Amino acid sequence: MTELKGKPVADGIIAASRGKMEQYGVTPVLAIVRVGARPDDLAYERGIIRTFDRADAKVEIRELPEDVSQEDFDKTFDEVNEDPGINAILVMRPLPKTLSAEHAMKTIDPGKDVDLMNPAHMTGILEGKQDAYAPCTAAAVIEILDYYDIPISGKKAAVIGRSLVIGKPVSLLLMNRDATVATCHRKTPDTEGICRDADIVVAAAGRAGMMTADYVRPGQVVIDVGMNLDDNGNLTGDADYDKVSKIVDAITPVPGGVGAVTTSVLLKYTTDNAVRMQK
């Protein structure tokens, strides 16, 4: 079994971003808008800060209390959206049920929307444009497959999950690379059988350990996108790693897999925005 570690993939993306920063003389700035202090949000935020620090890029945190009013949330968002010194915006989602992201989704500057908060910006992926931004985690899946020379074209892929952040965009990215894709969700009959039939399985359901040995067979590649916390507060994936890894040919670990690459893709997008905004 090959463990598809994210660090070497991320190192290459970070090095390329540093080179572009030096070439154009820019210091990219990402603004993170976070409501409350959910452990998974904080874990993601810490990973982003570590990645940006490695490239001497900047992260500005706008932390709001969990009981923030809709008016104050929208006001904070507008401030970073209109700030010319901010190159990219990441809103930690999902937001508390008391808040709506509708205003942010409708008004976000397309040039700062590095995680495709506005679904309308997904048009480029739908059209198969090579330079279109994809949500960072979805893009990280493709970066890992490419780095490890795992063929996509002509292969069967199964994606567990259909969110706008991961499931749907990664399905589109795989289709754009000529894979035949089955997108599974809670109403899908025989998800286990569909996954066993696939060459590549992307687990993005957001449920710790839901992908058991019944979902896999020898010869497969599993990309585990899950970032869940177990009862002991440890980060764990959607796949039951101990059992699944003994069966498949290759799998990403959690932590140390997709998450590490996701933050480097975010740096890449922010750097590209900084270069574009300078011109």
C-alpha atoms as a PDB file:
ATOM      1  CA  MET A   1       0.000   0.000   0.000  1.00  0.00           C
ATOM      2  CA  THR A   2       1.248   3.469  -0.931  1.00  0.00           C
ATOM      3  CA  GLU A   3       0.495   6.305   1.459  1.00  0.00           C
ATOM      4  CA  LEU A   4      -0.247   9.413  -0.598  1.00  0.00           C
ATOM      5  CA  LYS A   5       1.262  12.041   1.664  1.00  0.00           C
ATOM      6  CA  GLY A   6       0.334  15.643   1.028  1.00  0.00           C
ATOM      7  CA  LYS A   7       3.588  17.281   2.144  1.00  0.00           C
ATOM      8  CA  PRO A   8       5.655  16.769  -1.020  1.00  0.00           C
ATOM      9  CA  VAL A   9       2.690  17.923  -3.142  1.00  0.00           C
ATOM     10  CA  ALA A  10       2.272  21.020  -0.982  1.00  0.00           C
ATOM     11  CA  ASP A  11       6.022  21.737  -0.974  1.00  0.00           C
ATOM     12  CA  GLY A  12       6.027  21.999  -4.759  1.00  0.00           C
ATOM     13  CA  ILE A  13       3.028  24.351  -4.832  1.00  0.00           C
ATOM     14  CA  ILE A  14       4.486  26.536  -2.070  1.00  0.00           C
ATOM     15  CA  ALA A  15       7.844  26.764  -3.866  1.00  0.00           C
ATOM     16  CA  ALA A  16       6.125  27.814  -7.094  1.00  0.00           C
ATOM     17  CA  SER A  17       4.122  30.457  -5.219  1.00  0.00           C
ATOM     18  CA  ARG A  18       7.263  31.838  -3.565  1.00  0.00           C
ATOM     19  CA  GLY A  19       8.917  32.074  -6.950  1.00  0.00           C
ATOM     20  CA  LYS A  20       5.981  34.031  -8.351  1.00  0.00           C
ATOM     21  CA  MET A  21       5.980  36.356  -5.317  1.00  0.00           C
ATOM     22  CA  GLU A  22       9.666  37.105  -5.836  1.00  0.00           C
ATOM     23  CA  GLN A  23       9.243  37.545  -9.566  1.00  0.00           C
ATOM     24  CA  TYR A  24       6.439  40.095  -9.232  1.00  0.00           C
ATOM     25  CA  GLY A  25       7.398  41.620  -5.882  1.00  0.00           C
ATOM     26  CA  VAL A  26       4.077  40.923  -4.166  1.00  0.00           C
ATOM     27  CA  THR A  27       3.073  39.830  -0.669  1.00  0.00           C
ATOM     28  CA  PRO A  28      -0.274  38.035  -0.887  1.00  0.00           C
ATOM     29  CA  VAL A  29      -2.845  38.747   1.824  1.00  0.00           C
ATOM     30  CA  LEU A  30      -5.686  36.385   2.727  1.00  0.00           C
ATOM     31  CA  ALA A  31      -8.546  37.441   5.005  1.00  0.00           C
ATOM     32  CA  ILE A  32     -10.267  34.703   6.998  1.00  0.00           C
ATOM     33  CA  VAL A  33     -13.713  35.496   8.374  1.00  0.00           C
ATOM     34  CA  ARG A  34     -14.539  33.059  11.170  1.00  0.00           C
ATOM     35  CA  VAL A  35     -17.609  32.970  13.397  1.00  0.00           C
ATOM     36  CA  GLY A  36     -17.070  31.218  16.714  1.00  0.00           C
ATOM     37  CA  ALA A  37     -14.278  28.750  17.393  1.00  0.00           C
ATOM     38  CA  ARG A  38     -15.263  25.338  16.058  1.00  0.00           C
ATOM     39  CA  PRO A  39     -12.350  22.903  16.498  1.00  0.00           C
ATOM     40  CA  ASP A  40     -12.356  21.887  12.816  1.00  0.00           C
ATOM     41  CA  ASP A  41     -12.316  25.548  11.722  1.00  0.00           C
ATOM     42  CA  LEU A  42      -9.417  26.259  14.071  1.00  0.00           C
ATOM     43  CA  ALA A  43      -7.500  23.234  12.795  1.00  0.00           C
ATOM     44  CA  TYR A  44      -7.955  24.408   9.196  1.00  0.00           C
ATOM     45  CA  GLU A  45      -6.997  27.957  10.158  1.00  0.00           C
ATOM     46  CA  ARG A  46      -3.790  26.820  11.856  1.00  0.00           C
ATOM     47  CA  GLY A  47      -2.856  24.837   8.758  1.00  0.00           C
ATOM     48  CA  ILE A  48      -3.426  27.884   6.557  1.00  0.00           C
ATOM     49  CA  ILE A  49      -1.282  30.091   8.773  1.00  0.00           C
ATOM     50  CA  ARG A  50       1.581  27.548   8.756  1.00  0.00           C
ATOM     51  CA  THR A  51       1.490  27.339   4.965  1.00  0.00           C
ATOM     52  CA  PHE A  52       1.356  31.101   4.437  1.00  0.00           C
ATOM     53  CA  ASP A  53       4.155  31.655   6.973  1.00  0.00           C
ATOM     54  CA  ARG A  54       6.376  29.290   4.964  1.00  0.00           C
ATOM     55  CA  ALA A  55       5.922  31.523   1.932  1.00  0.00           C
ATOM     56  CA  ASP A  56       6.099  34.839   3.853  1.00  0.00           C
ATOM     57  CA  ALA A  57       2.517  35.580   2.821  1.00  0.00           C
ATOM     58  CA  LYS A  58       0.023  37.152   5.225  1.00  0.00           C
ATOM     59  CA  VAL A  59      -3.190  35.982   6.854  1.00  0.00           C
ATOM     60  CA  GLU A  60      -5.600  38.381   8.557  1.00  0.00           C
ATOM     61  CA  ILE A  61      -8.123  36.795  10.919  1.00  0.00           C
ATOM     62  CA  ARG A  62     -11.505  38.435  11.448  1.00  0.00           C
ATOM     63  CA  GLU A  63     -12.957  36.489  14.366  1.00  0.00           C
ATOM     64  CA  LEU A  64     -16.579  37.102  15.330  1.00  0.00           C
ATOM     65  CA  PRO A  65     -18.515  35.759  18.328  1.00  0.00           C
ATOM     66  CA  GLU A  66     -20.903  32.902  17.693  1.00  0.00           C
ATOM     67  CA  ASP A  67     -23.845  35.130  18.611  1.00  0.00           C
ATOM     68  CA  VAL A  68     -22.852  37.878  16.157  1.00  0.00           C
ATOM     69  CA  SER A  69     -25.776  39.614  14.503  1.00  0.00           C
ATOM     70  CA  GLN A  70     -26.430  39.303  10.791  1.00  0.00           C
ATOM     71  CA  GLU A  71     -25.793  43.025  10.427  1.00  0.00           C
ATOM     72  CA  ASP A  72     -22.377  42.863  12.089  1.00  0.00           C
ATOM     73  CA  PHE A  73     -21.386  39.752  10.148  1.00  0.00           C
ATOM     74  CA  ASP A  74     -22.305  41.397   6.840  1.00  0.00           C
ATOM     75  CA  LYS A  75     -20.493  44.598   7.865  1.00  0.00           C
ATOM     76  CA  THR A  76     -17.289  42.681   8.656  1.00  0.00           C
ATOM     77  CA  PHE A  77     -17.512  40.837   5.368  1.00  0.00           C
ATOM     78  CA  ASP A  78     -18.033  44.089   3.445  1.00  0.00           C
ATOM     79  CA  GLU A  79     -14.919  45.571   5.058  1.00  0.00           C
ATOM     80  CA  VAL A  80     -12.604  42.832   3.794  1.00  0.00           C
ATOM     81  CA  ASN A  81     -14.422  42.613   0.472  1.00  0.00           C
ATOM     82  CA  GLU A  82     -13.854  46.311  -0.201  1.00  0.00           C
ATOM     83  CA  ASP A  83     -10.308  46.500   1.197  1.00  0.00           C
ATOM     84  CA  PRO A  84      -7.865  46.835  -1.762  1.00  0.00           C
ATOM     85  CA  GLY A  85      -5.104  45.396   0.419  1.00  0.00           C
ATOM     86  CA  ILE A  86      -6.902  42.046   0.669  1.00  0.00           C
ATOM     87  CA  ASN A  87      -6.243  39.650  -2.215  1.00  0.00           C
ATOM     88  CA  ALA A  88      -8.477  36.764  -1.171  1.00  0.00           C
ATOM     89  CA  ILE A  89     -11.311  35.986   1.240  1.00  0.00           C
ATOM     90  CA  LEU A  90     -12.134  32.732   2.981  1.00  0.00           C
ATOM     91  CA  VAL A  91     -15.326  32.507   5.038  1.00  0.00           C
ATOM     92  CA  MET A  92     -15.267  29.518   7.355  1.00  0.00           C
ATOM     93  CA  ARG A  93     -18.359  27.472   6.620  1.00  0.00           C
ATOM     94  CA  PRO A  94     -20.837  26.272   7.605  1.00  0.00           C
ATOM     95  CA  LEU A  95     -21.954  29.361   9.472  1.00  0.00           C
ATOM     96  CA  PRO A  96     -24.090  29.076  12.618  1.00  0.00           C
ATOM     97  CA  LYS A  97     -27.753  28.471  11.835  1.00  0.00           C
ATOM     98  CA  THR A  98     -28.557  31.968  13.085  1.00  0.00           C
ATOM     99  CA  LEU A  99     -26.643  33.486  10.168  1.00  0.00           C
ATOM    100  CA  SER A 100     -27.160  33.567   6.423  1.00  0.00           C
ATOM    101  CA  ALA A 101     -24.293  33.672   3.922  1.00  0.00           C
ATOM    102  CA  GLU A 102     -26.577  35.053   1.210  1.00  0.00           C
ATOM    103  CA  HIS A 103     -25.243  38.631   1.302  1.00  0.00           C
ATOM    104  CA  ALA A 104     -21.623  37.475   1.236  1.00  0.00           C
ATOM    105  CA  MET A 105     -22.294  35.007  -1.566  1.00  0.00           C
ATOM    106  CA  LYS A 106     -23.998  37.640  -3.709  1.00  0.00           C
ATOM    107  CA  THR A 107     -21.556  40.480  -3.143  1.00  0.00           C
ATOM    108  CA  ILE A 108     -18.139  38.842  -2.902  1.00  0.00           C
ATOM    109  CA  ASP A 109     -15.616  40.260  -5.354  1.00  0.00           C
ATOM    110  CA  PRO A 110     -15.124  37.515  -7.981  1.00  0.00           C
ATOM    111  CA  GLY A 111     -11.401  38.297  -7.939  1.00  0.00           C
ATOM    112  CA  LYS A 112     -11.202  37.508  -4.216  1.00  0.00           C
ATOM    113  CA  ASP A 113     -13.460  34.452  -4.218  1.00  0.00           C
ATOM    114  CA  VAL A 114     -10.793  31.761  -3.857  1.00  0.00           C
ATOM    115  CA  ASP A 115     -13.149  29.103  -2.485  1.00  0.00           C
ATOM    116  CA  LEU A 116     -16.018  29.704  -4.935  1.00  0.00           C
ATOM    117  CA  MET A 117     -18.356  31.020  -2.282  1.00  0.00           C
ATOM    118  CA  ASN A 118     -20.639  32.288  -5.038  1.00  0.00           C
ATOM    119  CA  PRO A 119     -21.787  29.201  -6.972  1.00  0.00           C
ATOM    120  CA  ALA A 120     -22.082  31.342 -10.101  1.00  0.00           C
ATOM    121  CA  HIS A 121     -18.292  31.418 -10.221  1.00  0.00           C
ATOM    122  CA  MET A 122     -18.268  27.670 -10.866  1.00  0.00           C
ATOM    123  CA  THR A 123     -19.132  28.338 -14.505  1.00  0.00           C
ATOM    124  CA  GLY A 124     -15.492  27.976 -15.502  1.00  0.00           C
ATOM    125  CA  ILE A 125     -15.377  24.438 -14.119  1.00  0.00           C
ATOM    126  CA  LEU A 126     -18.652  23.551 -15.819  1.00  0.00           C
ATOM    127  CA  GLU A 127     -17.169  24.763 -19.110  1.00  0.00           C
ATOM    128  CA  GLY A 128     -13.958  22.828 -18.489  1.00  0.00           C
ATOM    129  CA  LYS A 129     -11.681  25.893 -18.545  1.00  0.00           C
ATOM    130  CA  GLN A 130      -8.157  24.942 -17.518  1.00  0.00           C
ATOM    131  CA  ASP A 131      -7.481  28.226 -15.693  1.00  0.00           C
ATOM    132  CA  ALA A 132     -10.753  28.307 -13.733  1.00  0.00           C
ATOM    133  CA  TYR A 133     -10.476  28.275  -9.955  1.00  0.00           C
ATOM    134  CA  ALA A 134     -11.993  25.270  -8.228  1.00  0.00           C
ATOM    135  CA  PRO A 135     -12.727  25.135  -4.498  1.00  0.00           C
ATOM    136  CA  CYS A 136      -9.368  24.564  -2.826  1.00  0.00           C
ATOM    137  CA  THR A 137     -10.088  21.114  -1.417  1.00  0.00           C
ATOM    138  CA  ALA A 138     -11.473  19.847  -4.724  1.00  0.00           C
ATOM    139  CA  ALA A 139      -8.399  21.185  -6.525  1.00  0.00           C
ATOM    140  CA  ALA A 140      -6.153  19.524  -3.921  1.00  0.00           C
ATOM    141  CA  VAL A 141      -7.598  16.116  -4.829  1.00  0.00           C
ATOM    142  CA  ILE A 142      -6.503  16.569  -8.448  1.00  0.00           C
ATOM    143  CA  GLU A 143      -3.092  17.922  -7.400  1.00  0.00           C
ATOM    144  CA  ILE A 144      -2.456  14.746  -5.386  1.00  0.00           C
ATOM    145  CA  LEU A 145      -3.529  12.409  -8.182  1.00  0.00           C
ATOM    146  CA  ASP A 146      -1.310  14.264 -10.653  1.00  0.00           C
ATOM    147  CA  TYR A 147       1.716  14.389  -8.345  1.00  0.00           C
ATOM    148  CA  TYR A 148       1.637  10.633  -7.791  1.00  0.00           C
ATOM    149  CA  ASP A 149       1.037   9.940 -11.502  1.00  0.00           C
ATOM    150  CA  ILE A 150      -2.313   8.279 -10.877  1.00  0.00           C
ATOM    151  CA  PRO A 151      -4.220   8.091 -14.182  1.00  0.00           C
ATOM    152  CA  ILE A 152      -7.618   9.800 -14.295  1.00  0.00           C
ATOM    153  CA  SER A 153      -8.566   9.608 -17.970  1.00  0.00           C
ATOM    154  CA  GLY A 154     -10.675   6.566 -18.766  1.00  0.00           C
ATOM    155  CA  LYS A 155     -10.989   5.547 -15.129  1.00  0.00           C
ATOM    156  CA  LYS A 156     -14.101   5.016 -13.008  1.00  0.00           C
ATOM    157  CA  ALA A 157     -14.384   7.371 -10.037  1.00  0.00           C
ATOM    158  CA  ALA A 158     -16.810   7.390  -7.127  1.00  0.00           C
ATOM    159  CA  VAL A 159     -17.301  10.531  -5.037  1.00  0.00           C
ATOM    160  CA  ILE A 160     -19.071  10.200  -1.699  1.00  0.00           C
ATOM    161  CA  GLY A 161     -20.705  13.560  -1.000  1.00  0.00           C
ATOM    162  CA  ARG A 162     -22.350  16.249  -3.109  1.00  0.00           C
ATOM    163  CA  SER A 163     -21.562  19.538  -1.355  1.00  0.00           C
ATOM    164  CA  LEU A 164     -20.755  22.660  -3.362  1.00  0.00           C
ATOM    165  CA  VAL A 165     -17.459  22.900  -1.507  1.00  0.00           C
ATOM    166  CA  ILE A 166     -16.104  19.430  -2.328  1.00  0.00           C
ATOM    167  CA  GLY A 167     -18.411  16.755  -3.739  1.00  0.00           C
ATOM    168  CA  LYS A 168     -19.899  18.473  -6.775  1.00  0.00           C
ATOM    169  CA  PRO A 169     -16.779  20.384  -7.889  1.00  0.00           C
ATOM    170  CA  VAL A 170     -14.436  17.413  -7.528  1.00  0.00           C
ATOM    171  CA  SER A 171     -16.900  15.331  -9.570  1.00  0.00           C
ATOM    172  CA  LEU A 172     -16.759  17.991 -12.298  1.00  0.00           C
ATOM    173  CA  LEU A 173     -12.958  18.182 -12.180  1.00  0.00           C
ATOM    174  CA  LEU A 174     -12.689  14.418 -12.570  1.00  0.00           C
ATOM    175  CA  MET A 175     -15.158  14.470 -15.477  1.00  0.00           C
ATOM    176  CA  ASN A 176     -13.158  17.276 -17.098  1.00  0.00           C
ATOM    177  CA  ARG A 177     -10.179  14.903 -16.981  1.00  0.00           C
ATOM    178  CA  ASP A 178     -12.212  12.205 -18.778  1.00  0.00           C
ATOM    179  CA  ALA A 179     -13.103  10.020 -15.807  1.00  0.00           C
ATOM    180  CA  THR A 180     -16.540   8.404 -15.562  1.00  0.00           C
ATOM    181  CA  VAL A 181     -17.916   9.654 -12.265  1.00  0.00           C
ATOM    182  CA  ALA A 182     -20.608   8.392  -9.903  1.00  0.00           C
ATOM    183  CA  THR A 183     -21.554  10.902  -7.187  1.00  0.00           C
ATOM    184  CA  CYS A 184     -23.011   9.148  -4.148  1.00  0.00           C
ATOM    185  CA  HIS A 185     -25.098  10.615  -1.309  1.00  0.00           C
ATOM    186  CA  ARG A 186     -27.375   9.473   1.485  1.00  0.00           C
ATOM    187  CA  LYS A 187     -30.152   8.470  -0.928  1.00  0.00           C
ATOM    188  CA  THR A 188     -27.871   6.489  -3.244  1.00  0.00           C
ATOM    189  CA  PRO A 189     -28.680   2.772  -3.280  1.00  0.00           C
ATOM    190  CA  ASP A 190     -25.678   0.467  -2.810  1.00  0.00           C
ATOM    191  CA  THR A 191     -23.026   3.121  -2.291  1.00  0.00           C
ATOM    192  CA  GLU A 192     -20.685   0.364  -1.144  1.00  0.00           C
ATOM    193  CA  GLY A 193     -21.044  -1.503  -4.437  1.00  0.00           C
ATOM    194  CA  ILE A 194     -20.568   1.638  -6.515  1.00  0.00           C
ATOM    195  CA  CYS A 195     -17.383   2.459  -4.618  1.00  0.00           C
ATOM    196  CA  ARG A 196     -16.009  -1.078  -4.936  1.00  0.00           C
ATOM    197  CA  ASP A 197     -16.500  -0.865  -8.696  1.00  0.00           C
ATOM    198  CA  ALA A 198     -14.503   2.379  -8.982  1.00  0.00           C
ATOM    199  CA  ASP A 199     -10.794   2.827  -9.649  1.00  0.00           C
ATOM    200  CA  ILE A 200     -10.635   6.060  -7.645  1.00  0.00           C
ATOM    201  CA  VAL A 201     -12.784   6.762  -4.582  1.00  0.00           C
ATOM    202  CA  VAL A 202     -13.031  10.255  -3.084  1.00  0.00           C
ATOM    203  CA  ALA A 203     -14.521  10.201   0.414  1.00  0.00           C
ATOM    204  CA  ALA A 204     -16.067  13.592   1.172  1.00  0.00           C
ATOM    205  CA  ALA A 205     -19.096  12.841   3.319  1.00  0.00           C
ATOM    206  CA  GLY A 206     -17.845  14.501   6.500  1.00  0.00           C
ATOM    207  CA  ARG A 207     -18.580  11.482   8.698  1.00  0.00           C
ATOM    208  CA  ALA A 208     -15.730   9.931  10.634  1.00  0.00           C
ATOM    209  CA  GLY A 209     -14.985   6.341   9.682  1.00  0.00           C
ATOM    210  CA  MET A 210     -18.097   5.929   7.523  1.00  0.00           C
ATOM    211  CA  MET A 211     -16.085   4.369   4.703  1.00  0.00           C
ATOM    212  CA  THR A 212     -15.452   0.827   5.896  1.00  0.00           C
ATOM    213  CA  ALA A 213     -13.715  -2.158   4.305  1.00  0.00           C
ATOM    214  CA  ASP A 214     -17.008  -2.975   2.551  1.00  0.00           C
ATOM    215  CA  TYR A 215     -16.486   0.036   0.260  1.00  0.00           C
ATOM    216  CA  VAL A 216     -13.162  -1.032  -1.231  1.00  0.00           C
ATOM    217  CA  ARG A 217     -11.234  -3.736  -3.051  1.00  0.00           C
ATOM    218  CA  PRO A 218      -7.591  -4.306  -4.021  1.00  0.00           C
ATOM    219  CA  GLY A 219      -6.262  -2.097  -6.823  1.00  0.00           C
ATOM    220  CA  GLN A 220      -8.069   1.083  -5.816  1.00  0.00           C
ATOM    221  CA  VAL A 221      -6.903   4.583  -4.918  1.00  0.00           C
ATOM    222  CA  VAL A 222      -8.713   6.309  -2.038  1.00  0.00           C
ATOM    223  CA  ILE A 223      -8.551  10.069  -1.508  1.00  0.00           C
ATOM    224  CA  ASP A 224      -9.902  10.814   1.975  1.00  0.00           C
ATOM    225  CA  VAL A 225     -11.095  14.405   2.185  1.00  0.00           C
ATOM    226  CA  GLY A 226     -12.717  14.014   5.619  1.00  0.00           C
ATOM    227  CA  MET A 227     -11.587  16.273   8.456  1.00  0.00           C
ATOM    228  CA  ASN A 228     -13.446  15.061  11.519  1.00  0.00           C
ATOM    229  CA  LEU A 229     -12.677  15.027  15.219  1.00  0.00           C
ATOM    230  CA  ASP A 230     -13.042  11.770  17.127  1.00  0.00           C
ATOM    231  CA  ASP A 231     -14.139  11.450  20.750  1.00  0.00           C
ATOM    232  CA  ASN A 232     -10.589  12.180  21.894  1.00  0.00           C
ATOM    233  CA  GLY A 233     -10.300  15.344  19.812  1.00  0.00           C
ATOM    234  CA  ASN A 234      -8.003  13.750  17.222  1.00  0.00           C
ATOM    235  CA  LEU A 235      -8.323  14.578  13.538  1.00  0.00           C
ATOM    236  CA  THR A 236      -9.631  11.648  11.528  1.00  0.00           C
ATOM    237  CA  GLY A 237     -10.910  11.027   8.013  1.00  0.00           C
ATOM    238  CA  ASP A 238     -14.060   9.589   6.485  1.00  0.00           C
ATOM    239  CA  ALA A 239     -12.324   6.263   5.859  1.00  0.00           C
ATOM    240  CA  ASP A 240     -11.605   3.662   8.509  1.00  0.00           C
ATOM    241  CA  TYR A 241      -7.894   3.979   7.755  1.00  0.00           C
ATOM    242  CA  ASP A 242      -6.639   0.941   9.644  1.00  0.00           C
ATOM    243  CA  LYS A 243      -8.954  -1.420   7.748  1.00  0.00           C
ATOM    244  CA  VAL A 244      -9.194   0.289   4.353  1.00  0.00           C
ATOM    245  CA  SER A 245      -5.435   0.820   3.999  1.00  0.00           C
ATOM    246  CA  LYS A 246      -4.853  -2.918   4.278  1.00  0.00           C
ATOM    247  CA  ILE A 247      -6.960  -3.524   1.153  1.00  0.00           C
ATOM    248  CA  VAL A 248      -6.439  -0.694  -1.355  1.00  0.00           C
ATOM    249  CA  ASP A 249      -3.304   0.108  -3.358  1.00  0.00           C
ATOM    250  CA  ALA A 250      -3.020   3.737  -2.236  1.00  0.00           C
ATOM    251  CA  ILE A 251      -4.698   6.080   0.246  1.00  0.00           C
ATOM    252  CA  THR A 252      -4.225   9.573   1.673  1.00  0.00           C
ATOM    253  CA  PRO A 253      -3.683   9.778   5.442  1.00  0.00           C
ATOM    254  CA  VAL A 254      -5.616  12.095   7.763  1.00  0.00           C
ATOM    255  CA  PRO A 255      -3.965  14.251   8.917  1.00  0.00           C
ATOM    256  CA  GLY A 256      -1.130  14.744   6.456  1.00  0.00           C
ATOM    257  CA  GLY A 257      -3.008  14.197   3.208  1.00  0.00           C
ATOM    258  CA  VAL A 258      -5.516  16.389   1.406  1.00  0.00           C
ATOM    259  CA  GLY A 259      -5.566  19.060   4.127  1.00  0.00           C
ATOM    260  CA  ALA A 260      -1.903  19.938   3.648  1.00  0.00           C
ATOM    261  CA  VAL A 261      -2.431  20.391  -0.084  1.00  0.00           C
ATOM    262  CA  THR A 262      -5.654  22.379   0.352  1.00  0.00           C
ATOM    263  CA  THR A 263      -3.849  25.159   2.210  1.00  0.00           C
ATOM    264  CA  SER A 264      -1.120  25.313  -0.439  1.00  0.00           C
ATOM    265  CA  VAL A 265      -3.753  25.636  -3.196  1.00  0.00           C
ATOM    266  CA  LEU A 266      -5.244  28.518  -1.200  1.00  0.00           C
ATOM    267  CA  LEU A 267      -1.787  30.140  -1.166  1.00  0.00           C
ATOM    268  CA  LYS A 268      -1.478  29.593  -4.918  1.00  0.00           C
ATOM    269  CA  TYR A 269      -4.823  31.272  -5.605  1.00  0.00           C
ATOM    270  CA  THR A 270      -4.070  34.177  -3.267  1.00  0.00           C
ATOM    271  CA  THR A 271      -0.675  34.703  -4.912  1.00  0.00           C
ATOM    272  CA  ASP A 272      -2.213  34.670  -8.392  1.00  0.00           C
ATOM    273  CA  ASN A 273      -4.766  37.237  -7.238  1.00  0.00           C
ATOM    274  CA  ALA A 274      -2.041  39.466  -5.785  1.00  0.00           C
ATOM    275  CA  VAL A 275      -0.164  39.394  -9.097  1.00  0.00           C
ATOM    276  CA  ARG A 276      -3.333  40.142 -11.073  1.00  0.00           C
ATOM    277  CA  MET A 277      -4.400  42.996  -8.749  1.00  0.00           C
ATOM    278  CA  GLN A 278      -0.955  44.603  -9.087  1.00  0.00           C
ATOM    279  CA  LYS A 279      -1.240  44.864 -12.871  1.00  0.00           C
END
